[in-house]
Amino acid sequence: MPRFNEIRQWAHDRNLIEGSDRFRQMVKLVEEQGELAAGIAKGNEFLVADSIGDMVVVLTILAEQSGLDIEWCIECAYREIKDRKGRMIDGVFVKESDIEA
């Protein structure tokens, strides 16, 4: 049940698209990232879920400010990663091209 259209409408209704800018949304995204880190560090699963959701909202607004649809951005990212090969190194997926570099 994606809510991207509702998020865009909510943001337009509150003048977050035209009344703000990408820099401020990027700062907001970093703020939410900090809350996510705090949630993970504290084992607070509600804060983790809330922070992830907040980051999706901010990314949706940022995409809209950039003249992009978040759905299209996700599709582009998926097309880029869907056939990606690599391996886990110390718990982090490292793409094949970075291993060979």
C-alpha atoms as a PDB file:
ATOM      1  CA  MET A   1       0.000   0.000   0.000  1.00  0.00           C
ATOM      2  CA  PRO A   2       2.370   2.714  -1.167  1.00  0.00           C
ATOM      3  CA  ARG A   3       1.296   6.172  -0.033  1.00  0.00           C
ATOM      4  CA  PHE A   4       3.532   8.268  -2.252  1.00  0.00           C
ATOM      5  CA  ASN A   5       0.634  10.253  -3.734  1.00  0.00           C
ATOM      6  CA  GLU A   6      -0.690  11.016  -0.257  1.00  0.00           C
ATOM      7  CA  ILE A   7       2.781  12.070   0.903  1.00  0.00           C
ATOM      8  CA  ARG A   8       3.158  14.384  -2.099  1.00  0.00           C
ATOM      9  CA  GLN A   9      -0.262  15.926  -1.447  1.00  0.00           C
ATOM     10  CA  TRP A  10       0.527  16.334   2.264  1.00  0.00           C
ATOM     11  CA  ALA A  11       3.797  18.076   1.360  1.00  0.00           C
ATOM     12  CA  HIS A  12       2.120  20.366  -1.189  1.00  0.00           C
ATOM     13  CA  ASP A  13      -0.625  21.243   1.316  1.00  0.00           C
ATOM     14  CA  ARG A  14       2.032  22.334   3.816  1.00  0.00           C
ATOM     15  CA  ASN A  15       4.135  24.224   1.256  1.00  0.00           C
ATOM     16  CA  LEU A  16       7.077  21.856   1.720  1.00  0.00           C
ATOM     17  CA  ILE A  17       7.716  21.532  -2.023  1.00  0.00           C
ATOM     18  CA  GLU A  18       7.787  25.156  -3.155  1.00  0.00           C
ATOM     19  CA  GLY A  19       8.365  26.678   0.290  1.00  0.00           C
ATOM     20  CA  SER A  20      11.483  24.667   1.051  1.00  0.00           C
ATOM     21  CA  ASP A  21      14.439  23.515  -1.011  1.00  0.00           C
ATOM     22  CA  ARG A  22      16.546  20.443  -1.617  1.00  0.00           C
ATOM     23  CA  PHE A  23      19.299  21.542   0.751  1.00  0.00           C
ATOM     24  CA  ARG A  24      16.872  21.799   3.656  1.00  0.00           C
ATOM     25  CA  GLN A  25      15.322  18.455   2.797  1.00  0.00           C
ATOM     26  CA  MET A  26      18.780  16.876   2.651  1.00  0.00           C
ATOM     27  CA  VAL A  27      19.492  18.283   6.128  1.00  0.00           C
ATOM     28  CA  LYS A  28      16.153  16.847   7.319  1.00  0.00           C
ATOM     29  CA  LEU A  29      17.127  13.485   5.833  1.00  0.00           C
ATOM     30  CA  VAL A  30      20.394  13.491   7.785  1.00  0.00           C
ATOM     31  CA  GLU A  31      18.456  14.395  10.947  1.00  0.00           C
ATOM     32  CA  GLU A  32      16.160  11.412  10.398  1.00  0.00           C
ATOM     33  CA  GLN A  33      19.200   9.236   9.720  1.00  0.00           C
ATOM     34  CA  GLY A  34      20.523  10.221  13.145  1.00  0.00           C
ATOM     35  CA  GLU A  35      17.228   9.180  14.726  1.00  0.00           C
ATOM     36  CA  LEU A  36      17.474   5.859  12.889  1.00  0.00           C
ATOM     37  CA  ALA A  37      20.989   5.333  14.244  1.00  0.00           C
ATOM     38  CA  ALA A  38      19.767   6.134  17.750  1.00  0.00           C
ATOM     39  CA  GLY A  39      16.898   3.666  17.395  1.00  0.00           C
ATOM     40  CA  ILE A  40      19.243   0.909  16.271  1.00  0.00           C
ATOM     41  CA  ALA A  41      21.785   1.701  18.993  1.00  0.00           C
ATOM     42  CA  LYS A  42      19.084   1.627  21.683  1.00  0.00           C
ATOM     43  CA  GLY A  43      17.243  -1.376  20.282  1.00  0.00           C
ATOM     44  CA  ASN A  44      14.093   0.756  19.989  1.00  0.00           C
ATOM     45  CA  GLU A  45      12.220  -0.921  17.144  1.00  0.00           C
ATOM     46  CA  PHE A  46       9.424   1.668  17.120  1.00  0.00           C
ATOM     47  CA  LEU A  47      11.993   4.447  16.604  1.00  0.00           C
ATOM     48  CA  VAL A  48      13.677   2.383  13.871  1.00  0.00           C
ATOM     49  CA  ALA A  49      10.381   1.941  12.004  1.00  0.00           C
ATOM     50  CA  ASP A  50       9.351   5.572  12.516  1.00  0.00           C
ATOM     51  CA  SER A  51      12.729   6.847  11.323  1.00  0.00           C
ATOM     52  CA  ILE A  52      12.679   4.688   8.202  1.00  0.00           C
ATOM     53  CA  GLY A  53       9.191   5.964   7.416  1.00  0.00           C
ATOM     54  CA  ASP A  54      10.243   9.556   8.038  1.00  0.00           C
ATOM     55  CA  MET A  55      13.208   9.091   5.684  1.00  0.00           C
ATOM     56  CA  VAL A  56      10.887   7.789   2.961  1.00  0.00           C
ATOM     57  CA  VAL A  57       8.680  10.869   3.422  1.00  0.00           C
ATOM     58  CA  VAL A  58      11.678  13.199   3.153  1.00  0.00           C
ATOM     59  CA  LEU A  59      13.002  11.345   0.095  1.00  0.00           C
ATOM     60  CA  THR A  60       9.570  11.614  -1.533  1.00  0.00           C
ATOM     61  CA  ILE A  61       9.581  15.376  -0.945  1.00  0.00           C
ATOM     62  CA  LEU A  62      13.156  15.682  -2.185  1.00  0.00           C
ATOM     63  CA  ALA A  63      12.291  13.784  -5.359  1.00  0.00           C
ATOM     64  CA  GLU A  64       9.260  16.023  -5.940  1.00  0.00           C
ATOM     65  CA  GLN A  65      11.386  19.150  -5.468  1.00  0.00           C
ATOM     66  CA  SER A  66      13.780  17.725  -8.064  1.00  0.00           C
ATOM     67  CA  GLY A  67      11.012  17.141 -10.596  1.00  0.00           C
ATOM     68  CA  LEU A  68      11.229  13.385 -10.108  1.00  0.00           C
ATOM     69  CA  ASP A  69       8.812  10.725  -8.920  1.00  0.00           C
ATOM     70  CA  ILE A  70      10.069   8.642  -6.011  1.00  0.00           C
ATOM     71  CA  GLU A  71       8.608   5.592  -7.734  1.00  0.00           C
ATOM     72  CA  TRP A  72      10.777   6.250 -10.796  1.00  0.00           C
ATOM     73  CA  CYS A  73      13.846   6.758  -8.577  1.00  0.00           C
ATOM     74  CA  ILE A  74      13.193   3.404  -6.900  1.00  0.00           C
ATOM     75  CA  GLU A  75      12.714   1.732 -10.290  1.00  0.00           C
ATOM     76  CA  CYS A  76      16.018   3.160 -11.541  1.00  0.00           C
ATOM     77  CA  ALA A  77      17.818   1.953  -8.433  1.00  0.00           C
ATOM     78  CA  TYR A  78      16.281  -1.501  -8.704  1.00  0.00           C
ATOM     79  CA  ARG A  79      17.252  -1.812 -12.378  1.00  0.00           C
ATOM     80  CA  GLU A  80      20.800  -0.945 -11.397  1.00  0.00           C
ATOM     81  CA  ILE A  81      21.045  -3.507  -8.571  1.00  0.00           C
ATOM     82  CA  LYS A  82      18.824  -6.378  -9.768  1.00  0.00           C
ATOM     83  CA  ASP A  83      21.621  -8.263 -11.502  1.00  0.00           C
ATOM     84  CA  ARG A  84      24.447  -6.988  -9.336  1.00  0.00           C
ATOM     85  CA  LYS A  85      26.873  -9.573  -8.104  1.00  0.00           C
ATOM     86  CA  GLY A  86      29.208  -9.330  -5.181  1.00  0.00           C
ATOM     87  CA  ARG A  87      29.805 -10.818  -1.790  1.00  0.00           C
ATOM     88  CA  MET A  88      29.487 -10.102   1.886  1.00  0.00           C
ATOM     89  CA  ILE A  89      32.642  -8.769   3.499  1.00  0.00           C
ATOM     90  CA  ASP A  90      32.457  -8.155   7.253  1.00  0.00           C
ATOM     91  CA  GLY A  91      28.661  -8.013   7.067  1.00  0.00           C
ATOM     92  CA  VAL A  92      28.584  -5.510   4.171  1.00  0.00           C
ATOM     93  CA  PHE A  93      27.600  -6.370   0.590  1.00  0.00           C
ATOM     94  CA  VAL A  94      30.424  -5.277  -1.700  1.00  0.00           C
ATOM     95  CA  LYS A  95      29.668  -5.224  -5.406  1.00  0.00           C
ATOM     96  CA  GLU A  96      31.899  -7.269  -7.658  1.00  0.00           C
ATOM     97  CA  SER A  97      33.325  -4.255  -9.492  1.00  0.00           C
ATOM     98  CA  ASP A  98      34.543  -2.779  -6.178  1.00  0.00           C
ATOM     99  CA  ILE A  99      36.178  -6.072  -5.154  1.00  0.00           C
ATOM    100  CA  GLU A 100      38.115  -6.236  -8.394  1.00  0.00           C
ATOM    101  CA  ALA A 101      39.201  -2.587  -8.239  1.00  0.00           C
END
